[in-house]
Amino acid sequence: MSHANAALTPRARLRLARLIVEQGWPIARAAQRYDVAWPTAKRWAQRYRELGAAGMRDRSSRPASQPNRTPQPAVRKIVHLRLKHRLGSVETRQHPRRRRLALPRPRPRQKEPEHHR
C-alpha cells in the first residue's frame, strides 16, 4: 500500500521505470506522461536498474539516526509538566523547573490528552 504522499503506486512506478529502461523513452517524456518530476522519474529508473521490480516498493522516510533527538528523561519531564500543570509548549519552556533542561525547545512525542486539543 502506498503512503498518502506517494506520487504513484508501486505498480505505476514499475510501468514508468520500464518505459525508460526497457523501451528507451527519454526520462523527461516518461515523467511528463506520469505527471512526476524529472528527478523522481530518474530515481525510479535507477532503482529499477539496480533492484528490479523490488526497487519500486515504498521505503521508509524515517532517518537512520537522530543525533539531536531530545533525551528520553527530558521528554518525560516535559510531558509531566504539560499534563500536571496543563501547560502548552511555550509555557512549558518558560516553567521554572524546565530551565534546568538545556534543550532548544520542547517537542513532546506523546499524544496529548483530549483536554489539550
Protein backbone atom coordinates (compact mmCIF):
# COMPACT_ATOMS: atom_id res chain seq x y z
CA MET A 1 0.00 0.00 0.00
CA SER A 2 1.35 3.42 -0.96
CA HIS A 3 1.68 6.15 1.59
CA ALA A 4 -0.51 9.25 1.39
CA ASN A 5 2.11 11.46 -0.27
CA ALA A 6 3.21 8.98 -2.94
CA ALA A 7 3.02 10.36 -6.45
CA LEU A 8 2.36 6.91 -7.90
CA THR A 9 1.67 3.42 -6.70
CA PRO A 10 4.50 0.87 -6.88
CA ARG A 11 2.79 -0.66 -9.92
CA ALA A 12 2.74 2.68 -11.76
CA ARG A 13 6.38 3.28 -10.79
CA LEU A 14 7.25 -0.06 -12.32
CA ARG A 15 5.48 0.86 -15.58
CA LEU A 16 7.28 4.22 -15.63
CA ALA A 17 10.67 2.63 -14.98
CA ARG A 18 10.12 0.01 -17.68
CA LEU A 19 9.26 2.71 -20.21
CA ILE A 20 12.59 4.39 -19.52
CA VAL A 21 14.85 1.36 -19.04
CA GLU A 22 13.39 -1.27 -21.37
CA GLN A 23 11.66 0.80 -24.03
CA GLY A 24 14.19 3.62 -24.13
CA TRP A 25 11.84 6.53 -23.50
CA PRO A 26 13.51 9.82 -22.57
CA ILE A 27 13.21 10.48 -18.84
CA ALA A 28 11.52 13.85 -19.39
CA ARG A 29 8.85 12.37 -21.66
CA ALA A 30 8.08 9.47 -19.30
CA ALA A 31 7.99 11.86 -16.32
CA GLN A 32 5.56 14.12 -18.15
CA ARG A 33 3.31 11.19 -19.08
CA TYR A 34 3.11 10.05 -15.44
CA ASP A 35 2.97 13.61 -14.10
CA VAL A 36 6.03 13.35 -11.88
CA ALA A 37 9.18 15.45 -11.69
CA TRP A 38 12.14 14.53 -13.88
CA PRO A 39 14.41 13.70 -10.88
CA THR A 40 11.71 11.40 -9.49
CA ALA A 41 11.43 9.50 -12.77
CA LYS A 42 15.21 9.25 -12.99
CA ARG A 43 15.43 7.91 -9.42
CA TRP A 44 12.81 5.22 -10.08
CA ALA A 45 14.50 4.19 -13.33
CA GLN A 46 17.83 3.89 -11.50
CA ARG A 47 16.27 1.82 -8.72
CA TYR A 48 14.72 -0.44 -11.35
CA ARG A 49 18.12 -0.93 -12.99
CA GLU A 50 19.71 -1.78 -9.64
CA LEU A 51 16.95 -3.70 -7.81
CA GLY A 52 14.39 -4.65 -10.42
CA ALA A 53 10.70 -4.63 -9.52
CA ALA A 54 11.54 -4.85 -5.79
CA GLY A 55 13.04 -1.34 -6.01
CA MET A 56 9.62 0.14 -6.72
CA ARG A 57 8.23 -0.61 -3.25
CA ASP A 58 7.60 2.20 -0.78
CA ARG A 59 10.51 2.96 1.50
CA SER A 60 10.54 4.34 5.00
CA SER A 61 11.27 8.05 5.24
CA ARG A 62 12.46 7.71 8.84
CA PRO A 63 16.10 8.78 9.27
CA ALA A 64 18.64 6.11 10.16
CA SER A 65 19.72 8.11 13.21
CA GLN A 66 18.63 11.20 15.12
CA PRO A 67 21.72 12.68 16.79
CA ASN A 68 19.85 15.78 18.04
CA ARG A 69 16.89 13.88 19.45
CA THR A 70 15.60 15.11 22.80
CA PRO A 71 16.83 12.75 25.56
CA GLN A 72 14.12 10.47 26.98
CA PRO A 73 14.39 11.83 30.58
CA ALA A 74 13.77 15.33 29.23
CA VAL A 75 10.80 14.12 27.19
CA ARG A 76 9.30 12.53 30.31
CA LYS A 77 9.78 15.74 32.29
CA ILE A 78 8.20 17.87 29.55
CA VAL A 79 5.21 15.54 29.29
CA HIS A 80 4.85 15.58 33.09
CA LEU A 81 4.83 19.38 33.15
CA ARG A 82 2.29 19.53 30.34
CA LEU A 83 -0.04 17.03 31.97
CA LYS A 84 0.29 18.11 35.61
CA HIS A 85 0.18 21.86 35.03
CA ARG A 86 -1.83 21.77 31.77
CA LEU A 87 0.75 23.93 30.03
CA GLY A 88 1.27 24.46 26.33
CA SER A 89 4.68 24.29 24.67
CA VAL A 90 5.54 27.96 25.29
CA GLU A 91 4.53 27.83 28.95
CA THR A 92 6.36 24.53 29.41
CA ARG A 93 9.54 26.11 28.11
CA GLN A 94 9.16 29.05 30.49
CA HIS A 95 8.33 26.90 33.53
CA PRO A 96 10.93 27.27 36.36
CA ARG A 97 11.63 23.53 36.57
CA ARG A 98 12.16 23.43 32.83
CA ARG A 99 15.12 25.83 32.92
CA ARG A 100 17.44 23.14 34.24
CA LEU A 101 16.98 21.22 31.00
CA ALA A 102 19.37 22.71 28.46
CA LEU A 103 17.24 21.98 25.39
CA PRO A 104 16.38 24.14 22.40
CA ARG A 105 12.59 23.78 22.74
CA PRO A 106 10.10 21.20 23.99
CA ARG A 107 8.96 18.62 21.46
CA PRO A 108 6.81 16.03 23.24
CA ARG A 109 6.30 12.94 21.12
CA GLN A 110 3.47 11.52 23.18
CA LYS A 111 -0.13 12.00 22.15
CA GLU A 112 -1.71 14.80 24.12
CA PRO A 113 -4.79 14.06 26.21
CA GLU A 114 -8.20 15.07 24.91
CA HIS A 115 -8.44 18.21 27.08
CA HIS A 116 -5.37 19.72 25.36
CA ARG A 117 -6.87 19.72 21.87
